[in-house]
Amino acid sequence: MGKRKKYFIVGGIVLLILLFTGLGLVAARGPCRGFHRGFHPGFHDKDVSEFIRWRLDKGVEGLNLSEAQKGKYEETKGKLETRFKEHRDDRKRWMEELQSAMKKEDPDVKVLSESLKERIERFSGFMEGNLDLFVEFYETLDKEQKEKITATIRKKMKRCWIE
């Protein structure tokens, strides 16, 4: 094999590697995400609710809550934890049902589709309930605290705004 052919093959391989790397970066970036986010490692069966509680605690630190507000916050956090546990258990049961249905030789796609639609509705209800908890806590805040939260939300949303 000649030198020129070797260079052509090596160059082609390098080009393919660069192409796949570029596609991977674009796929990882996704909508409204910067390169600083990189590839999200996921939770890999870790408790998502722990992460959310940590983020909530971190976000509430700068609000200087009164004792009554702290009590309401702890109550809201407890309700949220209960909701996450119920959702986690429900999701586990549903995944087991889905896996057993898919192991059948001829799975009933119509039944699976209906099950997925029901799951989507339950998840939507779960998210609505979480938003209701947020609003319930938000209503206990004073004007200055609400402005801080609103400013934080605007800052996070700004990178997604269409201008």
C-alpha atoms as a PDB file:
ATOM      1  CA  MET A   1       0.000   0.000   0.000  1.00  0.00           C
ATOM      2  CA  GLY A   2       1.370   3.378  -0.962  1.00  0.00           C
ATOM      3  CA  LYS A   3       1.991   6.320   1.352  1.00  0.00           C
ATOM      4  CA  ARG A   4      -0.680   8.369  -0.327  1.00  0.00           C
ATOM      5  CA  LYS A   5      -3.343   5.691   0.243  1.00  0.00           C
ATOM      6  CA  LYS A   6      -2.344   5.382   3.929  1.00  0.00           C
ATOM      7  CA  TYR A   7      -2.690   9.150   4.395  1.00  0.00           C
ATOM      8  CA  PHE A   8      -6.088   9.031   2.725  1.00  0.00           C
ATOM      9  CA  ILE A   9      -7.311   6.224   5.021  1.00  0.00           C
ATOM     10  CA  VAL A  10      -5.954   7.866   8.197  1.00  0.00           C
ATOM     11  CA  GLY A  11      -7.413  11.219   7.144  1.00  0.00           C
ATOM     12  CA  GLY A  12     -10.804   9.582   6.535  1.00  0.00           C
ATOM     13  CA  ILE A  13     -10.771   7.955   9.970  1.00  0.00           C
ATOM     14  CA  VAL A  14      -9.845  11.246  11.663  1.00  0.00           C
ATOM     15  CA  LEU A  15     -12.607  13.005   9.728  1.00  0.00           C
ATOM     16  CA  LEU A  16     -15.171  10.413  10.868  1.00  0.00           C
ATOM     17  CA  ILE A  17     -14.048  10.761  14.492  1.00  0.00           C
ATOM     18  CA  LEU A  18     -14.403  14.545  14.295  1.00  0.00           C
ATOM     19  CA  LEU A  19     -17.822  14.215  12.684  1.00  0.00           C
ATOM     20  CA  PHE A  20     -19.134  11.868  15.390  1.00  0.00           C
ATOM     21  CA  THR A  21     -17.640  14.047  18.126  1.00  0.00           C
ATOM     22  CA  GLY A  22     -19.335  17.109  16.664  1.00  0.00           C
ATOM     23  CA  LEU A  23     -22.670  15.327  16.410  1.00  0.00           C
ATOM     24  CA  GLY A  24     -22.296  14.163  20.009  1.00  0.00           C
ATOM     25  CA  LEU A  25     -21.648  17.704  21.215  1.00  0.00           C
ATOM     26  CA  VAL A  26     -24.646  19.044  19.323  1.00  0.00           C
ATOM     27  CA  ALA A  27     -26.871  16.263  20.687  1.00  0.00           C
ATOM     28  CA  ALA A  28     -25.607  16.840  24.238  1.00  0.00           C
ATOM     29  CA  ARG A  29     -26.082  20.571  23.990  1.00  0.00           C
ATOM     30  CA  GLY A  30     -29.760  20.327  23.159  1.00  0.00           C
ATOM     31  CA  PRO A  31     -32.134  23.267  23.162  1.00  0.00           C
ATOM     32  CA  CYS A  32     -31.394  26.122  25.559  1.00  0.00           C
ATOM     33  CA  ARG A  33     -28.186  24.588  26.856  1.00  0.00           C
ATOM     34  CA  GLY A  34     -24.681  25.917  26.659  1.00  0.00           C
ATOM     35  CA  PHE A  35     -21.491  23.943  26.242  1.00  0.00           C
ATOM     36  CA  HIS A  36     -20.785  24.498  29.939  1.00  0.00           C
ATOM     37  CA  ARG A  37     -23.396  21.829  30.659  1.00  0.00           C
ATOM     38  CA  GLY A  38     -21.620  19.233  28.578  1.00  0.00           C
ATOM     39  CA  PHE A  39     -22.765  15.656  28.738  1.00  0.00           C
ATOM     40  CA  HIS A  40     -25.236  15.218  31.576  1.00  0.00           C
ATOM     41  CA  PRO A  41     -24.199  12.180  33.611  1.00  0.00           C
ATOM     42  CA  GLY A  42     -27.783  11.410  34.668  1.00  0.00           C
ATOM     43  CA  PHE A  43     -28.785  10.105  38.039  1.00  0.00           C
ATOM     44  CA  HIS A  44     -28.228   6.386  37.412  1.00  0.00           C
ATOM     45  CA  ASP A  45     -30.789   5.222  39.993  1.00  0.00           C
ATOM     46  CA  LYS A  46     -29.770   7.888  42.493  1.00  0.00           C
ATOM     47  CA  ASP A  47     -32.513   9.679  44.350  1.00  0.00           C
ATOM     48  CA  VAL A  48     -33.550  12.701  42.286  1.00  0.00           C
ATOM     49  CA  SER A  49     -35.501  14.080  45.238  1.00  0.00           C
ATOM     50  CA  GLU A  50     -32.255  14.479  47.221  1.00  0.00           C
ATOM     51  CA  PHE A  51     -30.848  16.648  44.449  1.00  0.00           C
ATOM     52  CA  ILE A  52     -34.034  18.708  44.255  1.00  0.00           C
ATOM     53  CA  ARG A  53     -34.120  19.213  48.036  1.00  0.00           C
ATOM     54  CA  TRP A  54     -30.469  20.335  47.900  1.00  0.00           C
ATOM     55  CA  ARG A  55     -31.298  22.814  45.120  1.00  0.00           C
ATOM     56  CA  LEU A  56     -34.310  24.099  47.048  1.00  0.00           C
ATOM     57  CA  ASP A  57     -32.243  24.561  50.200  1.00  0.00           C
ATOM     58  CA  LYS A  58     -29.576  26.364  48.201  1.00  0.00           C
ATOM     59  CA  GLY A  59     -32.164  28.642  46.576  1.00  0.00           C
ATOM     60  CA  VAL A  60     -33.889  29.498  49.861  1.00  0.00           C
ATOM     61  CA  GLU A  61     -30.646  30.397  51.683  1.00  0.00           C
ATOM     62  CA  GLY A  62     -30.554  33.968  50.379  1.00  0.00           C
ATOM     63  CA  LEU A  63     -34.206  34.725  51.119  1.00  0.00           C
ATOM     64  CA  ASN A  64     -33.793  35.316  54.884  1.00  0.00           C
ATOM     65  CA  LEU A  65     -36.991  33.485  55.768  1.00  0.00           C
ATOM     66  CA  SER A  66     -38.910  34.297  58.944  1.00  0.00           C
ATOM     67  CA  GLU A  67     -39.651  31.494  61.422  1.00  0.00           C
ATOM     68  CA  ALA A  68     -43.185  31.107  60.037  1.00  0.00           C
ATOM     69  CA  GLN A  69     -41.825  30.952  56.484  1.00  0.00           C
ATOM     70  CA  LYS A  70     -39.197  28.405  57.516  1.00  0.00           C
ATOM     71  CA  GLY A  71     -41.943  26.254  59.009  1.00  0.00           C
ATOM     72  CA  LYS A  72     -43.980  26.495  55.803  1.00  0.00           C
ATOM     73  CA  TYR A  73     -40.876  25.706  53.754  1.00  0.00           C
ATOM     74  CA  GLU A  74     -40.138  22.575  55.803  1.00  0.00           C
ATOM     75  CA  GLU A  75     -43.776  21.510  55.483  1.00  0.00           C
ATOM     76  CA  THR A  76     -43.657  22.030  51.718  1.00  0.00           C
ATOM     77  CA  LYS A  77     -40.392  20.108  51.478  1.00  0.00           C
ATOM     78  CA  GLY A  78     -41.935  17.220  53.429  1.00  0.00           C
ATOM     79  CA  LYS A  79     -44.956  17.132  51.105  1.00  0.00           C
ATOM     80  CA  LEU A  80     -42.643  17.206  48.106  1.00  0.00           C
ATOM     81  CA  GLU A  81     -40.595  14.307  49.469  1.00  0.00           C
ATOM     82  CA  THR A  82     -43.779  12.271  50.011  1.00  0.00           C
ATOM     83  CA  ARG A  83     -44.914  13.009  46.474  1.00  0.00           C
ATOM     84  CA  PHE A  84     -41.526  11.972  45.063  1.00  0.00           C
ATOM     85  CA  LYS A  85     -41.571   8.699  47.018  1.00  0.00           C
ATOM     86  CA  GLU A  86     -45.062   7.860  45.757  1.00  0.00           C
ATOM     87  CA  HIS A  87     -44.039   8.781  42.200  1.00  0.00           C
ATOM     88  CA  ARG A  88     -40.854   6.708  42.446  1.00  0.00           C
ATOM     89  CA  ASP A  89     -42.802   3.656  43.674  1.00  0.00           C
ATOM     90  CA  ASP A  90     -45.435   4.127  40.971  1.00  0.00           C
ATOM     91  CA  ARG A  91     -42.760   4.449  38.296  1.00  0.00           C
ATOM     92  CA  LYS A  92     -41.031   1.287  39.491  1.00  0.00           C
ATOM     93  CA  ARG A  93     -44.289  -0.699  39.358  1.00  0.00           C
ATOM     94  CA  TRP A  94     -45.059   0.645  35.891  1.00  0.00           C
ATOM     95  CA  MET A  95     -41.577  -0.193  34.585  1.00  0.00           C
ATOM     96  CA  GLU A  96     -41.912  -3.766  35.886  1.00  0.00           C
ATOM     97  CA  GLU A  97     -45.284  -4.107  34.137  1.00  0.00           C
ATOM     98  CA  LEU A  98     -43.841  -2.662  30.928  1.00  0.00           C
ATOM     99  CA  GLN A  99     -40.845  -4.990  31.004  1.00  0.00           C
ATOM    100  CA  SER A 100     -42.988  -8.076  31.588  1.00  0.00           C
ATOM    101  CA  ALA A 101     -45.309  -7.037  28.742  1.00  0.00           C
ATOM    102  CA  MET A 102     -42.350  -6.512  26.391  1.00  0.00           C
ATOM    103  CA  LYS A 103     -40.907  -9.933  27.235  1.00  0.00           C
ATOM    104  CA  LYS A 104     -43.966 -11.609  25.730  1.00  0.00           C
ATOM    105  CA  GLU A 105     -43.446 -13.102  22.313  1.00  0.00           C
ATOM    106  CA  ASP A 106     -46.140 -10.891  20.780  1.00  0.00           C
ATOM    107  CA  PRO A 107     -46.643  -7.790  22.978  1.00  0.00           C
ATOM    108  CA  ASP A 108     -49.967  -5.993  22.610  1.00  0.00           C
ATOM    109  CA  VAL A 109     -48.883  -2.589  21.328  1.00  0.00           C
ATOM    110  CA  LYS A 110     -52.351  -1.101  21.795  1.00  0.00           C
ATOM    111  CA  VAL A 111     -52.371  -2.022  25.507  1.00  0.00           C
ATOM    112  CA  LEU A 112     -48.811  -0.703  25.902  1.00  0.00           C
ATOM    113  CA  SER A 113     -49.799   2.537  24.193  1.00  0.00           C
ATOM    114  CA  GLU A 114     -52.770   3.007  26.520  1.00  0.00           C
ATOM    115  CA  SER A 115     -50.548   2.274  29.512  1.00  0.00           C
ATOM    116  CA  LEU A 116     -48.052   4.891  28.340  1.00  0.00           C
ATOM    117  CA  LYS A 117     -50.804   7.473  27.812  1.00  0.00           C
ATOM    118  CA  GLU A 118     -52.064   6.824  31.348  1.00  0.00           C
ATOM    119  CA  ARG A 119     -48.512   7.158  32.668  1.00  0.00           C
ATOM    120  CA  ILE A 120     -48.088  10.493  30.899  1.00  0.00           C
ATOM    121  CA  GLU A 121     -51.332  11.755  32.452  1.00  0.00           C
ATOM    122  CA  ARG A 122     -50.203  10.664  35.933  1.00  0.00           C
ATOM    123  CA  PHE A 123     -46.819  12.355  35.429  1.00  0.00           C
ATOM    124  CA  SER A 124     -48.581  15.522  34.313  1.00  0.00           C
ATOM    125  CA  GLY A 125     -50.645  15.422  37.501  1.00  0.00           C
ATOM    126  CA  PHE A 126     -47.481  14.867  39.521  1.00  0.00           C
ATOM    127  CA  MET A 127     -45.872  17.952  38.003  1.00  0.00           C
ATOM    128  CA  GLU A 128     -49.034  20.029  38.480  1.00  0.00           C
ATOM    129  CA  GLY A 129     -49.085  19.066  42.160  1.00  0.00           C
ATOM    130  CA  ASN A 130     -45.444  20.084  42.532  1.00  0.00           C
ATOM    131  CA  LEU A 131     -46.185  23.450  40.946  1.00  0.00           C
ATOM    132  CA  ASP A 132     -49.107  23.899  43.329  1.00  0.00           C
ATOM    133  CA  LEU A 133     -46.725  23.278  46.245  1.00  0.00           C
ATOM    134  CA  PHE A 134     -44.349  25.904  44.870  1.00  0.00           C
ATOM    135  CA  VAL A 135     -47.147  28.469  44.524  1.00  0.00           C
ATOM    136  CA  GLU A 136     -48.375  27.652  48.038  1.00  0.00           C
ATOM    137  CA  PHE A 137     -44.897  28.396  49.427  1.00  0.00           C
ATOM    138  CA  TYR A 138     -44.399  31.412  47.136  1.00  0.00           C
ATOM    139  CA  GLU A 139     -47.556  33.022  48.537  1.00  0.00           C
ATOM    140  CA  THR A 140     -45.972  33.065  52.023  1.00  0.00           C
ATOM    141  CA  LEU A 141     -43.082  35.245  50.841  1.00  0.00           C
ATOM    142  CA  ASP A 142     -42.918  39.019  51.102  1.00  0.00           C
ATOM    143  CA  LYS A 143     -42.493  41.305  48.084  1.00  0.00           C
ATOM    144  CA  GLU A 144     -38.682  41.466  48.251  1.00  0.00           C
ATOM    145  CA  GLN A 145     -38.354  37.666  48.506  1.00  0.00           C
ATOM    146  CA  LYS A 146     -40.736  37.185  45.573  1.00  0.00           C
ATOM    147  CA  GLU A 147     -38.665  39.619  43.507  1.00  0.00           C
ATOM    148  CA  LYS A 148     -35.501  37.608  44.251  1.00  0.00           C
ATOM    149  CA  ILE A 149     -37.147  34.387  43.119  1.00  0.00           C
ATOM    150  CA  THR A 150     -38.595  36.044  40.008  1.00  0.00           C
ATOM    151  CA  ALA A 151     -35.181  37.485  39.109  1.00  0.00           C
ATOM    152  CA  THR A 152     -33.574  34.039  39.478  1.00  0.00           C
ATOM    153  CA  ILE A 153     -36.221  32.438  37.253  1.00  0.00           C
ATOM    154  CA  ARG A 154     -35.818  35.164  34.627  1.00  0.00           C
ATOM    155  CA  LYS A 155     -32.044  34.720  34.649  1.00  0.00           C
ATOM    156  CA  LYS A 156     -32.364  30.963  34.119  1.00  0.00           C
ATOM    157  CA  MET A 157     -34.975  31.396  31.403  1.00  0.00           C
ATOM    158  CA  LYS A 158     -33.129  34.147  29.543  1.00  0.00           C
ATOM    159  CA  ARG A 159     -30.953  31.729  27.592  1.00  0.00           C
ATOM    160  CA  CYS A 160     -34.125  30.154  26.146  1.00  0.00           C
ATOM    161  CA  TRP A 161     -35.853  33.388  25.142  1.00  0.00           C
ATOM    162  CA  ILE A 162     -36.334  34.069  21.492  1.00  0.00           C
ATOM    163  CA  GLU A 163     -35.228  37.560  20.606  1.00  0.00           C
END
